[in-house]
Amino acid sequence: QVQLVESGGGLVQAGGSLRLSCVTSGSIFSINTMNWYRQAPGKTRELVATITTSDRTRYADFVKGRFTLSRDSANNTVYLQMNSLKPDLTGLYFCNAATVFSNYWGQGTQVTVSS
């Protein structure tokens, strides 16, 4: 089992920045990738960014150049730095840990970008 706790969401004006955190605990050794997903109002959840065990990162096209995903292994935490935010990036952001057999989710943290 893996437990995930997100934090860092909030209300920000367009052009502003936020940093989301996801603290992991439990069977961390079993995690293959750490991911952030976004669920916009009335839409399905979509992948935003991924970091692998070798710290390779991948980003959805709609956040490239704006978001940076990083890891602090000493504190079992991943960070999503979000810059130049736009209103269409509003949504509930979820941290996800993918293992060979399972997917684990945090409770989500709300990001609201006002115009």
PDB file of N, CA and C in Angstrom:
ATOM      1  N   GLN A   1       0.846  -1.205   0.000  1.00  0.00           N
ATOM      2  CA  GLN A   1       0.000   0.000   0.000  1.00  0.00           C
ATOM      3  C   GLN A   1       0.873   1.243   0.000  1.00  0.00           C
ATOM      4  N   VAL A   2       0.381   2.227  -0.714  1.00  0.00           N
ATOM      5  CA  VAL A   2       1.055   3.526  -0.770  1.00  0.00           C
ATOM      6  C   VAL A   2       0.039   4.591  -0.375  1.00  0.00           C
ATOM      7  N   GLN A   3       0.458   5.501   0.474  1.00  0.00           N
ATOM      8  CA  GLN A   3      -0.399   6.609   0.869  1.00  0.00           C
ATOM      9  C   GLN A   3       0.179   7.903   0.289  1.00  0.00           C
ATOM     10  N   LEU A   4      -0.725   8.752  -0.166  1.00  0.00           N
ATOM     11  CA  LEU A   4      -0.333  10.009  -0.796  1.00  0.00           C
ATOM     12  C   LEU A   4      -1.113  11.158  -0.166  1.00  0.00           C
ATOM     13  N   VAL A   5      -0.422  12.234   0.149  1.00  0.00           N
ATOM     14  CA  VAL A   5      -1.080  13.416   0.700  1.00  0.00           C
ATOM     15  C   VAL A   5      -0.615  14.637  -0.081  1.00  0.00           C
ATOM     16  N   GLU A   6      -1.569  15.286  -0.765  1.00  0.00           N
ATOM     17  CA  GLU A   6      -1.241  16.474  -1.549  1.00  0.00           C
ATOM     18  C   GLU A   6      -1.489  17.738  -0.741  1.00  0.00           C
ATOM     19  N   SER A   7      -0.808  18.783  -1.140  1.00  0.00           N
ATOM     20  CA  SER A   7      -1.050  20.105  -0.562  1.00  0.00           C
ATOM     21  C   SER A   7      -0.544  21.153  -1.548  1.00  0.00           C
ATOM     22  N   GLY A   8      -0.891  22.408  -1.281  1.00  0.00           N
ATOM     23  CA  GLY A   8      -0.350  23.499  -2.069  1.00  0.00           C
ATOM     24  C   GLY A   8      -1.310  24.157  -3.029  1.00  0.00           C
ATOM     25  N   GLY A   9      -2.505  23.613  -3.177  1.00  0.00           N
ATOM     26  CA  GLY A   9      -3.469  24.253  -4.067  1.00  0.00           C
ATOM     27  C   GLY A   9      -3.980  25.559  -3.489  1.00  0.00           C
ATOM     28  N   GLY A  10      -4.754  26.269  -4.300  1.00  0.00           N
ATOM     29  CA  GLY A  10      -5.317  27.530  -3.835  1.00  0.00           C
ATOM     30  C   GLY A  10      -5.852  28.352  -4.979  1.00  0.00           C
ATOM     31  N   LEU A  11      -6.147  29.594  -4.668  1.00  0.00           N
ATOM     32  CA  LEU A  11      -6.654  30.548  -5.654  1.00  0.00           C
ATOM     33  C   LEU A  11      -5.515  31.486  -6.040  1.00  0.00           C
ATOM     34  N   VAL A  12      -5.316  31.636  -7.341  1.00  0.00           N
ATOM     35  CA  VAL A  12      -4.235  32.480  -7.830  1.00  0.00           C
ATOM     36  C   VAL A  12      -4.726  33.227  -9.059  1.00  0.00           C
ATOM     37  N   GLN A  13      -4.197  34.399  -9.272  1.00  0.00           N
ATOM     38  CA  GLN A  13      -4.553  35.164 -10.474  1.00  0.00           C
ATOM     39  C   GLN A  13      -3.789  34.630 -11.673  1.00  0.00           C
ATOM     40  N   ALA A  14      -4.346  34.846 -12.831  1.00  0.00           N
ATOM     41  CA  ALA A  14      -3.687  34.449 -14.077  1.00  0.00           C
ATOM     42  C   ALA A  14      -2.284  35.051 -14.124  1.00  0.00           C
ATOM     43  N   GLY A  15      -1.327  34.214 -14.538  1.00  0.00           N
ATOM     44  CA  GLY A  15       0.066  34.626 -14.566  1.00  0.00           C
ATOM     45  C   GLY A  15       0.823  34.286 -13.305  1.00  0.00           C
ATOM     46  N   GLY A  16       0.111  33.893 -12.274  1.00  0.00           N
ATOM     47  CA  GLY A  16       0.734  33.555 -11.004  1.00  0.00           C
ATOM     48  C   GLY A  16       1.281  32.145 -10.966  1.00  0.00           C
ATOM     49  N   SER A  17       1.785  31.777  -9.797  1.00  0.00           N
ATOM     50  CA  SER A  17       2.430  30.482  -9.618  1.00  0.00           C
ATOM     51  C   SER A  17       1.911  29.785  -8.364  1.00  0.00           C
ATOM     52  N   LEU A  18       1.971  28.489  -8.391  1.00  0.00           N
ATOM     53  CA  LEU A  18       1.706  27.652  -7.224  1.00  0.00           C
ATOM     54  C   LEU A  18       2.662  26.474  -7.256  1.00  0.00           C
ATOM     55  N   ARG A  19       2.948  25.924  -6.082  1.00  0.00           N
ATOM     56  CA  ARG A  19       3.717  24.688  -6.019  1.00  0.00           C
ATOM     57  C   ARG A  19       2.921  23.651  -5.237  1.00  0.00           C
ATOM     58  N   LEU A  20       2.624  22.554  -5.921  1.00  0.00           N
ATOM     59  CA  LEU A  20       1.919  21.453  -5.286  1.00  0.00           C
ATOM     60  C   LEU A  20       2.941  20.455  -4.736  1.00  0.00           C
ATOM     61  N   SER A  21       2.604  19.882  -3.591  1.00  0.00           N
ATOM     62  CA  SER A  21       3.449  18.864  -2.973  1.00  0.00           C
ATOM     63  C   SER A  21       2.660  17.572  -2.811  1.00  0.00           C
ATOM     64  N   CYS A  22       3.364  16.470  -2.897  1.00  0.00           N
ATOM     65  CA  CYS A  22       2.749  15.156  -2.672  1.00  0.00           C
ATOM     66  C   CYS A  22       3.716  14.334  -1.832  1.00  0.00           C
ATOM     67  N   VAL A  23       3.318  14.075  -0.600  1.00  0.00           N
ATOM     68  CA  VAL A  23       4.144  13.277   0.306  1.00  0.00           C
ATOM     69  C   VAL A  23       3.702  11.830   0.223  1.00  0.00           C
ATOM     70  N   THR A  24       4.649  10.951   0.000  1.00  0.00           N
ATOM     71  CA  THR A  24       4.341   9.534  -0.120  1.00  0.00           C
ATOM     72  C   THR A  24       4.793   8.785   1.138  1.00  0.00           C
ATOM     73  N   SER A  25       4.084   7.712   1.440  1.00  0.00           N
ATOM     74  CA  SER A  25       4.471   6.842   2.548  1.00  0.00           C
ATOM     75  C   SER A  25       3.984   5.436   2.244  1.00  0.00           C
ATOM     76  N   GLY A  26       4.466   4.487   3.024  1.00  0.00           N
ATOM     77  CA  GLY A  26       4.085   3.094   2.807  1.00  0.00           C
ATOM     78  C   GLY A  26       5.117   2.387   1.945  1.00  0.00           C
ATOM     79  N   SER A  27       4.660   1.602   1.009  1.00  0.00           N
ATOM     80  CA  SER A  27       5.531   0.763   0.170  1.00  0.00           C
ATOM     81  C   SER A  27       6.105   1.561  -0.992  1.00  0.00           C
ATOM     82  N   ILE A  28       6.909   2.552  -0.650  1.00  0.00           N
ATOM     83  CA  ILE A  28       7.416   3.465  -1.680  1.00  0.00           C
ATOM     84  C   ILE A  28       8.335   2.748  -2.654  1.00  0.00           C
ATOM     85  N   PHE A  29       9.003   1.692  -2.199  1.00  0.00           N
ATOM     86  CA  PHE A  29       9.941   0.974  -3.041  1.00  0.00           C
ATOM     87  C   PHE A  29       9.256   0.367  -4.268  1.00  0.00           C
ATOM     88  N   SER A  30       7.935   0.163  -4.186  1.00  0.00           N
ATOM     89  CA  SER A  30       7.200  -0.488  -5.270  1.00  0.00           C
ATOM     90  C   SER A  30       6.747   0.481  -6.364  1.00  0.00           C
ATOM     91  N   ILE A  31       6.976   1.762  -6.163  1.00  0.00           N
ATOM     92  CA  ILE A  31       6.475   2.764  -7.109  1.00  0.00           C
ATOM     93  C   ILE A  31       7.355   2.817  -8.353  1.00  0.00           C
ATOM     94  N   ASN A  32       6.716   2.765  -9.525  1.00  0.00           N
ATOM     95  CA  ASN A  32       7.431   2.925 -10.793  1.00  0.00           C
ATOM     96  C   ASN A  32       7.458   4.371 -11.247  1.00  0.00           C
ATOM     97  N   THR A  33       6.295   4.992 -11.262  1.00  0.00           N
ATOM     98  CA  THR A  33       6.226   6.397 -11.648  1.00  0.00           C
ATOM     99  C   THR A  33       5.346   7.158 -10.665  1.00  0.00           C
ATOM    100  N   MET A  34       5.662   8.431 -10.502  1.00  0.00           N
ATOM    101  CA  MET A  34       4.806   9.368  -9.778  1.00  0.00           C
ATOM    102  C   MET A  34       4.216  10.313 -10.809  1.00  0.00           C
ATOM    103  N   ASN A  35       2.933  10.581 -10.660  1.00  0.00           N
ATOM    104  CA  ASN A  35       2.239  11.351 -11.680  1.00  0.00           C
ATOM    105  C   ASN A  35       1.327  12.391 -11.040  1.00  0.00           C
ATOM    106  N   TRP A  36       1.079  13.450 -11.783  1.00  0.00           N
ATOM    107  CA  TRP A  36       0.036  14.409 -11.416  1.00  0.00           C
ATOM    108  C   TRP A  36      -1.017  14.393 -12.515  1.00  0.00           C
ATOM    109  N   TYR A  37      -2.265  14.374 -12.069  1.00  0.00           N
ATOM    110  CA  TYR A  37      -3.404  14.427 -12.976  1.00  0.00           C
ATOM    111  C   TYR A  37      -4.233  15.662 -12.634  1.00  0.00           C
ATOM    112  N   ARG A  38      -4.977  16.102 -13.601  1.00  0.00           N
ATOM    113  CA  ARG A  38      -5.903  17.217 -13.387  1.00  0.00           C
ATOM    114  C   ARG A  38      -7.295  16.790 -13.832  1.00  0.00           C
ATOM    115  N   GLN A  39      -8.278  17.203 -13.036  1.00  0.00           N
ATOM    116  CA  GLN A  39      -9.669  17.009 -13.434  1.00  0.00           C
ATOM    117  C   GLN A  39     -10.353  18.366 -13.437  1.00  0.00           C
ATOM    118  N   ALA A  40     -10.626  18.858 -14.644  1.00  0.00           N
ATOM    119  CA  ALA A  40     -11.323  20.130 -14.786  1.00  0.00           C
ATOM    120  C   ALA A  40     -12.809  19.904 -14.554  1.00  0.00           C
ATOM    121  N   PRO A  41     -13.540  20.935 -14.183  1.00  0.00           N
ATOM    122  CA  PRO A  41     -14.977  20.775 -13.931  1.00  0.00           C
ATOM    123  C   PRO A  41     -15.705  20.159 -15.118  1.00  0.00           C
ATOM    124  N   GLY A  42     -16.430  19.095 -14.873  1.00  0.00           N
ATOM    125  CA  GLY A  42     -17.226  18.451 -15.910  1.00  0.00           C
ATOM    126  C   GLY A  42     -16.435  17.624 -16.907  1.00  0.00           C
ATOM    127  N   LYS A  43     -15.141  17.426 -16.647  1.00  0.00           N
ATOM    128  CA  LYS A  43     -14.311  16.681 -17.600  1.00  0.00           C
ATOM    129  C   LYS A  43     -13.658  15.494 -16.914  1.00  0.00           C
ATOM    130  N   THR A  44     -13.089  14.614 -17.730  1.00  0.00           N
ATOM    131  CA  THR A  44     -12.408  13.449 -17.175  1.00  0.00           C
ATOM    132  C   THR A  44     -11.000  13.823 -16.709  1.00  0.00           C
ATOM    133  N   ARG A  45     -10.466  12.986 -15.846  1.00  0.00           N
ATOM    134  CA  ARG A  45      -9.132  13.203 -15.320  1.00  0.00           C
ATOM    135  C   ARG A  45      -8.103  13.020 -16.434  1.00  0.00           C
ATOM    136  N   GLU A  46      -7.106  13.901 -16.489  1.00  0.00           N
ATOM    137  CA  GLU A  46      -6.091  13.803 -17.533  1.00  0.00           C
ATOM    138  C   GLU A  46      -4.688  13.938 -16.929  1.00  0.00           C
ATOM    139  N   LEU A  47      -3.755  13.241 -17.553  1.00  0.00           N
ATOM    140  CA  LEU A  47      -2.375  13.228 -17.078  1.00  0.00           C
ATOM    141  C   LEU A  47      -1.709  14.574 -17.371  1.00  0.00           C
ATOM    142  N   VAL A  48      -1.026  15.105 -16.371  1.00  0.00           N
ATOM    143  CA  VAL A  48      -0.333  16.382 -16.504  1.00  0.00           C
ATOM    144  C   VAL A  48       1.174  16.174 -16.607  1.00  0.00           C
ATOM    145  N   ALA A  49       1.735  15.365 -15.698  1.00  0.00           N
ATOM    146  CA  ALA A  49       3.189  15.207 -15.667  1.00  0.00           C
ATOM    147  C   ALA A  49       3.552  13.894 -14.986  1.00  0.00           C
ATOM    148  N   THR A  50       4.708  13.358 -15.372  1.00  0.00           N
ATOM    149  CA  THR A  50       5.203  12.082 -14.859  1.00  0.00           C
ATOM    150  C   THR A  50       6.678  12.209 -14.519  1.00  0.00           C
ATOM    151  N   ILE A  51       7.082  11.553 -13.422  1.00  0.00           N
ATOM    152  CA  ILE A  51       8.501  11.416 -13.106  1.00  0.00           C
ATOM    153  C   ILE A  51       8.782   9.952 -12.820  1.00  0.00           C
ATOM    154  N   THR A  52       9.848   9.438 -13.430  1.00  0.00           N
ATOM    155  CA  THR A  52      10.188   8.030 -13.282  1.00  0.00           C
ATOM    156  C   THR A  52      11.169   7.840 -12.125  1.00  0.00           C
ATOM    157  N   THR A  53      11.492   6.569 -11.849  1.00  0.00           N
ATOM    158  CA  THR A  53      12.441   6.273 -10.776  1.00  0.00           C
ATOM    159  C   THR A  53      13.830   6.801 -11.093  1.00  0.00           C
ATOM    160  N   SER A  54      14.124   7.020 -12.377  1.00  0.00           N
ATOM    161  CA  SER A  54      15.416   7.597 -12.755  1.00  0.00           C
ATOM    162  C   SER A  54      15.321   9.108 -12.953  1.00  0.00           C
ATOM    163  N   ASP A  55      14.222   9.686 -12.467  1.00  0.00           N
ATOM    164  CA  ASP A  55      14.001  11.138 -12.497  1.00  0.00           C
ATOM    165  C   ASP A  55      13.821  11.712 -13.898  1.00  0.00           C
ATOM    166  N   ARG A  56      13.430  10.877 -14.843  1.00  0.00           N
ATOM    167  CA  ARG A  56      13.050  11.398 -16.148  1.00  0.00           C
ATOM    168  C   ARG A  56      11.633  11.946 -16.040  1.00  0.00           C
ATOM    169  N   THR A  57      11.403  13.063 -16.682  1.00  0.00           N
ATOM    170  CA  THR A  57      10.090  13.697 -16.601  1.00  0.00           C
ATOM    171  C   THR A  57       9.448  13.799 -17.979  1.00  0.00           C
ATOM    172  N   ARG A  58       8.136  13.760 -17.972  1.00  0.00           N
ATOM    173  CA  ARG A  58       7.348  13.950 -19.187  1.00  0.00           C
ATOM    174  C   ARG A  58       6.164  14.843 -18.832  1.00  0.00           C
ATOM    175  N   TYR A  59       5.747  15.648 -19.803  1.00  0.00           N
ATOM    176  CA  TYR A  59       4.682  16.613 -19.567  1.00  0.00           C
ATOM    177  C   TYR A  59       3.655  16.557 -20.681  1.00  0.00           C
ATOM    178  N   ALA A  60       2.413  16.824 -20.301  1.00  0.00           N
ATOM    179  CA  ALA A  60       1.370  17.011 -21.303  1.00  0.00           C
ATOM    180  C   ALA A  60       1.678  18.276 -22.096  1.00  0.00           C
ATOM    181  N   ASP A  61       1.281  18.279 -23.347  1.00  0.00           N
ATOM    182  CA  ASP A  61       1.593  19.425 -24.213  1.00  0.00           C
ATOM    183  C   ASP A  61       1.063  20.738 -23.635  1.00  0.00           C
ATOM    184  N   PHE A  62      -0.104  20.663 -22.951  1.00  0.00           N
ATOM    185  CA  PHE A  62      -0.719  21.910 -22.507  1.00  0.00           C
ATOM    186  C   PHE A  62      -0.036  22.524 -21.291  1.00  0.00           C
ATOM    187  N   VAL A  63       0.985  21.842 -20.724  1.00  0.00           N
ATOM    188  CA  VAL A  63       1.717  22.426 -19.591  1.00  0.00           C
ATOM    189  C   VAL A  63       3.214  22.553 -19.853  1.00  0.00           C
ATOM    190  N   LYS A  64       3.669  22.095 -21.001  1.00  0.00           N
ATOM    191  CA  LYS A  64       5.100  22.184 -21.307  1.00  0.00           C
ATOM    192  C   LYS A  64       5.565  23.629 -21.262  1.00  0.00           C
ATOM    193  N   GLY A  65       6.676  23.833 -20.592  1.00  0.00           N
ATOM    194  CA  GLY A  65       7.219  25.173 -20.456  1.00  0.00           C
ATOM    195  C   GLY A  65       6.640  25.950 -19.289  1.00  0.00           C
ATOM    196  N   ARG A  66       5.558  25.449 -18.690  1.00  0.00           N
ATOM    197  CA  ARG A  66       4.923  26.125 -17.561  1.00  0.00           C
ATOM    198  C   ARG A  66       5.138  25.358 -16.253  1.00  0.00           C
ATOM    199  N   PHE A  67       5.102  24.031 -16.311  1.00  0.00           N
ATOM    200  CA  PHE A  67       5.150  23.187 -15.127  1.00  0.00           C
ATOM    201  C   PHE A  67       6.481  22.451 -15.063  1.00  0.00           C
ATOM    202  N   THR A  68       6.958  22.240 -13.843  1.00  0.00           N
ATOM    203  CA  THR A  68       8.165  21.454 -13.610  1.00  0.00           C
ATOM    204  C   THR A  68       7.901  20.478 -12.479  1.00  0.00           C
ATOM    205  N   LEU A  69       8.180  19.210 -12.748  1.00  0.00           N
ATOM    206  CA  LEU A  69       7.982  18.155 -11.757  1.00  0.00           C
ATOM    207  C   LEU A  69       9.345  17.745 -11.225  1.00  0.00           C
ATOM    208  N   SER A  70       9.451  17.663  -9.905  1.00  0.00           N
ATOM    209  CA  SER A  70      10.728  17.290  -9.298  1.00  0.00           C
ATOM    210  C   SER A  70      10.477  16.412  -8.089  1.00  0.00           C
ATOM    211  N   ARG A  71      11.568  15.847  -7.588  1.00  0.00           N
ATOM    212  CA  ARG A  71      11.463  14.898  -6.481  1.00  0.00           C
ATOM    213  C   ARG A  71      12.482  15.231  -5.397  1.00  0.00           C
ATOM    214  N   ASP A  72      12.070  15.091  -4.152  1.00  0.00           N
ATOM    215  CA  ASP A  72      12.976  15.159  -3.003  1.00  0.00           C
ATOM    216  C   ASP A  72      12.933  13.785  -2.356  1.00  0.00           C
ATOM    217  N   SER A  73      13.875  12.935  -2.728  1.00  0.00           N
ATOM    218  CA  SER A  73      13.842  11.558  -2.258  1.00  0.00           C
ATOM    219  C   SER A  73      14.041  11.454  -0.748  1.00  0.00           C
ATOM    220  N   ALA A  74      14.802  12.354  -0.185  1.00  0.00           N
ATOM    221  CA  ALA A  74      15.062  12.293   1.258  1.00  0.00           C
ATOM    222  C   ALA A  74      13.788  12.473   2.059  1.00  0.00           C
ATOM    223  N   ASN A  75      12.833  13.227   1.491  1.00  0.00           N
ATOM    224  CA  ASN A  75      11.571  13.487   2.183  1.00  0.00           C
ATOM    225  C   ASN A  75      10.378  12.804   1.529  1.00  0.00           C
ATOM    226  N   ASN A  76      10.653  11.915   0.574  1.00  0.00           N
ATOM    227  CA  ASN A  76       9.585  11.154  -0.093  1.00  0.00           C
ATOM    228  C   ASN A  76       8.493  12.067  -0.626  1.00  0.00           C
ATOM    229  N   THR A  77       8.923  13.123  -1.267  1.00  0.00           N
ATOM    230  CA  THR A  77       7.976  14.132  -1.739  1.00  0.00           C
ATOM    231  C   THR A  77       8.251  14.462  -3.205  1.00  0.00           C
ATOM    232  N   VAL A  78       7.195  14.633  -3.954  1.00  0.00           N
ATOM    233  CA  VAL A  78       7.315  15.163  -5.313  1.00  0.00           C
ATOM    234  C   VAL A  78       6.636  16.527  -5.338  1.00  0.00           C
ATOM    235  N   TYR A  79       7.172  17.390  -6.176  1.00  0.00           N
ATOM    236  CA  TYR A  79       6.672  18.749  -6.277  1.00  0.00           C
ATOM    237  C   TYR A  79       6.277  19.048  -7.714  1.00  0.00           C
ATOM    238  N   LEU A  80       5.189  19.762  -7.873  1.00  0.00           N
ATOM    239  CA  LEU A  80       4.781  20.254  -9.186  1.00  0.00           C
ATOM    240  C   LEU A  80       4.782  21.776  -9.112  1.00  0.00           C
ATOM    241  N   GLN A  81       5.802  22.373  -9.702  1.00  0.00           N
ATOM    242  CA  GLN A  81       5.883  23.826  -9.767  1.00  0.00           C
ATOM    243  C   GLN A  81       5.104  24.294 -10.978  1.00  0.00           C
ATOM    244  N   MET A  82       4.119  25.145 -10.740  1.00  0.00           N
ATOM    245  CA  MET A  82       3.236  25.596 -11.813  1.00  0.00           C
ATOM    246  C   MET A  82       3.399  27.104 -11.968  1.00  0.00           C
ATOM    247  N   ASN A  83       3.900  27.515 -13.115  1.00  0.00           N
ATOM    248  CA  ASN A  83       4.125  28.939 -13.396  1.00  0.00           C
ATOM    249  C   ASN A  83       3.248  29.408 -14.544  1.00  0.00           C
ATOM    250  N   SER A  84       3.119  30.713 -14.654  1.00  0.00           N
ATOM    251  CA  SER A  84       2.344  31.320 -15.752  1.00  0.00           C
ATOM    252  C   SER A  84       0.977  30.666 -15.876  1.00  0.00           C
ATOM    253  N   LEU A  85       0.296  30.545 -14.763  1.00  0.00           N
ATOM    254  CA  LEU A  85      -0.993  29.843 -14.748  1.00  0.00           C
ATOM    255  C   LEU A  85      -2.051  30.607 -15.535  1.00  0.00           C
ATOM    256  N   LYS A  86      -2.912  29.841 -16.169  1.00  0.00           N
ATOM    257  CA  LYS A  86      -4.020  30.386 -16.957  1.00  0.00           C
ATOM    258  C   LYS A  86      -5.330  29.859 -16.386  1.00  0.00           C
ATOM    259  N   PRO A  87      -6.432  30.574 -16.594  1.00  0.00           N
ATOM    260  CA  PRO A  87      -7.722  30.097 -16.066  1.00  0.00           C
ATOM    261  C   PRO A  87      -8.102  28.700 -16.534  1.00  0.00           C
ATOM    262  N   ASP A  88      -7.693  28.319 -17.750  1.00  0.00           N
ATOM    263  CA  ASP A  88      -8.090  26.987 -18.219  1.00  0.00           C
ATOM    264  C   ASP A  88      -7.274  25.866 -17.572  1.00  0.00           C
ATOM    265  N   LEU A  89      -6.350  26.189 -16.696  1.00  0.00           N
ATOM    266  CA  LEU A  89      -5.633  25.188 -15.916  1.00  0.00           C
ATOM    267  C   LEU A  89      -6.291  24.934 -14.558  1.00  0.00           C
ATOM    268  N   THR A  90      -7.404  25.584 -14.321  1.00  0.00           N
ATOM    269  CA  THR A  90      -8.182  25.348 -13.106  1.00  0.00           C
ATOM    270  C   THR A  90      -8.635  23.897 -13.042  1.00  0.00           C
ATOM    271  N   GLY A  91      -8.611  23.337 -11.845  1.00  0.00           N
ATOM    272  CA  GLY A  91      -9.107  21.976 -11.677  1.00  0.00           C
ATOM    273  C   GLY A  91      -8.662  21.387 -10.363  1.00  0.00           C
ATOM    274  N   LEU A  92      -9.082  20.154 -10.164  1.00  0.00           N
ATOM    275  CA  LEU A  92      -8.664  19.390  -8.988  1.00  0.00           C
ATOM    276  C   LEU A  92      -7.455  18.553  -9.411  1.00  0.00           C
ATOM    277  N   TYR A  93      -6.347  18.773  -8.737  1.00  0.00           N
ATOM    278  CA  TYR A  93      -5.099  18.111  -9.088  1.00  0.00           C
ATOM    279  C   TYR A  93      -4.849  16.942  -8.142  1.00  0.00           C
ATOM    280  N   PHE A  94      -4.587  15.784  -8.743  1.00  0.00           N
ATOM    281  CA  PHE A  94      -4.392  14.556  -7.988  1.00  0.00           C
ATOM    282  C   PHE A  94      -2.969  14.042  -8.167  1.00  0.00           C
ATOM    283  N   CYS A  95      -2.382  13.608  -7.082  1.00  0.00           N
ATOM    284  CA  CYS A  95      -1.110  12.898  -7.125  1.00  0.00           C
ATOM    285  C   CYS A  95      -1.418  11.406  -7.290  1.00  0.00           C
ATOM    286  N   ASN A  96      -0.604  10.744  -8.077  1.00  0.00           N
ATOM    287  CA  ASN A  96      -0.809   9.321  -8.364  1.00  0.00           C
ATOM    288  C   ASN A  96       0.528   8.597  -8.279  1.00  0.00           C
ATOM    289  N   ALA A  97       0.503   7.411  -7.679  1.00  0.00           N
ATOM    290  CA  ALA A  97       1.676   6.542  -7.650  1.00  0.00           C
ATOM    291  C   ALA A  97       1.311   5.258  -8.372  1.00  0.00           C
ATOM    292  N   ALA A  98       2.083   4.947  -9.400  1.00  0.00           N
ATOM    293  CA  ALA A  98       1.802   3.743 -10.188  1.00  0.00           C
ATOM    294  C   ALA A  98       2.839   2.672  -9.878  1.00  0.00           C
ATOM    295  N   THR A  99       2.353   1.502  -9.487  1.00  0.00           N
ATOM    296  CA  THR A  99       3.218   0.342  -9.311  1.00  0.00           C
ATOM    297  C   THR A  99       2.905  -0.659 -10.412  1.00  0.00           C
ATOM    298  N   VAL A 100       3.544  -1.795 -10.374  1.00  0.00           N
ATOM    299  CA  VAL A 100       3.283  -2.822 -11.391  1.00  0.00           C
ATOM    300  C   VAL A 100       1.832  -3.283 -11.320  1.00  0.00           C
ATOM    301  N   PHE A 101       1.294  -3.358 -10.117  1.00  0.00           N
ATOM    302  CA  PHE A 101      -0.028  -3.964  -9.944  1.00  0.00           C
ATOM    303  C   PHE A 101      -1.137  -2.989  -9.613  1.00  0.00           C
ATOM    304  N   SER A 102      -0.786  -1.787  -9.175  1.00  0.00           N
ATOM    305  CA  SER A 102      -1.832  -0.903  -8.657  1.00  0.00           C
ATOM    306  C   SER A 102      -1.567   0.553  -8.979  1.00  0.00           C
ATOM    307  N   ASN A 103      -2.629   1.334  -8.837  1.00  0.00           N
ATOM    308  CA  ASN A 103      -2.539   2.789  -8.872  1.00  0.00           C
ATOM    309  C   ASN A 103      -3.067   3.309  -7.550  1.00  0.00           C
ATOM    310  N   TYR A 104      -2.341   4.260  -6.986  1.00  0.00           N
ATOM    311  CA  TYR A 104      -2.762   4.871  -5.728  1.00  0.00           C
ATOM    312  C   TYR A 104      -2.979   6.360  -5.961  1.00  0.00           C
ATOM    313  N   TRP A 105      -3.986   6.896  -5.263  1.00  0.00           N
ATOM    314  CA  TRP A 105      -4.363   8.284  -5.476  1.00  0.00           C
ATOM    315  C   TRP A 105      -4.407   9.045  -4.159  1.00  0.00           C
ATOM    316  N   GLY A 106      -4.048  10.312  -4.249  1.00  0.00           N
ATOM    317  CA  GLY A 106      -4.290  11.205  -3.135  1.00  0.00           C
ATOM    318  C   GLY A 106      -5.713  11.731  -3.193  1.00  0.00           C
ATOM    319  N   GLN A 107      -6.025  12.612  -2.257  1.00  0.00           N
ATOM    320  CA  GLN A 107      -7.392  13.119  -2.152  1.00  0.00           C
ATOM    321  C   GLN A 107      -7.650  14.285  -3.095  1.00  0.00           C
ATOM    322  N   GLY A 108      -6.586  14.838  -3.665  1.00  0.00           N
ATOM    323  CA  GLY A 108      -6.727  15.954  -4.589  1.00  0.00           C
ATOM    324  C   GLY A 108      -6.567  17.292  -3.890  1.00  0.00           C
ATOM    325  N   THR A 109      -6.078  18.253  -4.646  1.00  0.00           N
ATOM    326  CA  THR A 109      -5.957  19.617  -4.137  1.00  0.00           C
ATOM    327  C   THR A 109      -6.450  20.574  -5.227  1.00  0.00           C
ATOM    328  N   GLN A 110      -7.310  21.498  -4.837  1.00  0.00           N
ATOM    329  CA  GLN A 110      -7.972  22.380  -5.800  1.00  0.00           C
ATOM    330  C   GLN A 110      -7.056  23.532  -6.204  1.00  0.00           C
ATOM    331  N   VAL A 111      -6.965  23.730  -7.505  1.00  0.00           N
ATOM    332  CA  VAL A 111      -6.252  24.885  -8.066  1.00  0.00           C
ATOM    333  C   VAL A 111      -7.263  25.708  -8.853  1.00  0.00           C
ATOM    334  N   THR A 112      -7.402  26.958  -8.487  1.00  0.00           N
ATOM    335  CA  THR A 112      -8.319  27.845  -9.176  1.00  0.00           C
ATOM    336  C   THR A 112      -7.541  29.062  -9.656  1.00  0.00           C
ATOM    337  N   VAL A 113      -7.604  29.293 -10.963  1.00  0.00           N
ATOM    338  CA  VAL A 113      -6.893  30.426 -11.559  1.00  0.00           C
ATOM    339  C   VAL A 113      -7.928  31.440 -12.037  1.00  0.00           C
ATOM    340  N   SER A 114      -7.895  32.615 -11.488  1.00  0.00           N
ATOM    341  CA  SER A 114      -8.863  33.654 -11.861  1.00  0.00           C
ATOM    342  C   SER A 114      -8.284  34.539 -12.958  1.00  0.00           C
ATOM    343  N   SER A 115      -9.192  35.048 -13.781  1.00  0.00           N
ATOM    344  CA  SER A 115      -8.749  35.885 -14.909  1.00  0.00           C
ATOM    345  C   SER A 115      -8.664  37.354 -14.506  1.00  0.00           C
TER     346      SER A 115
END
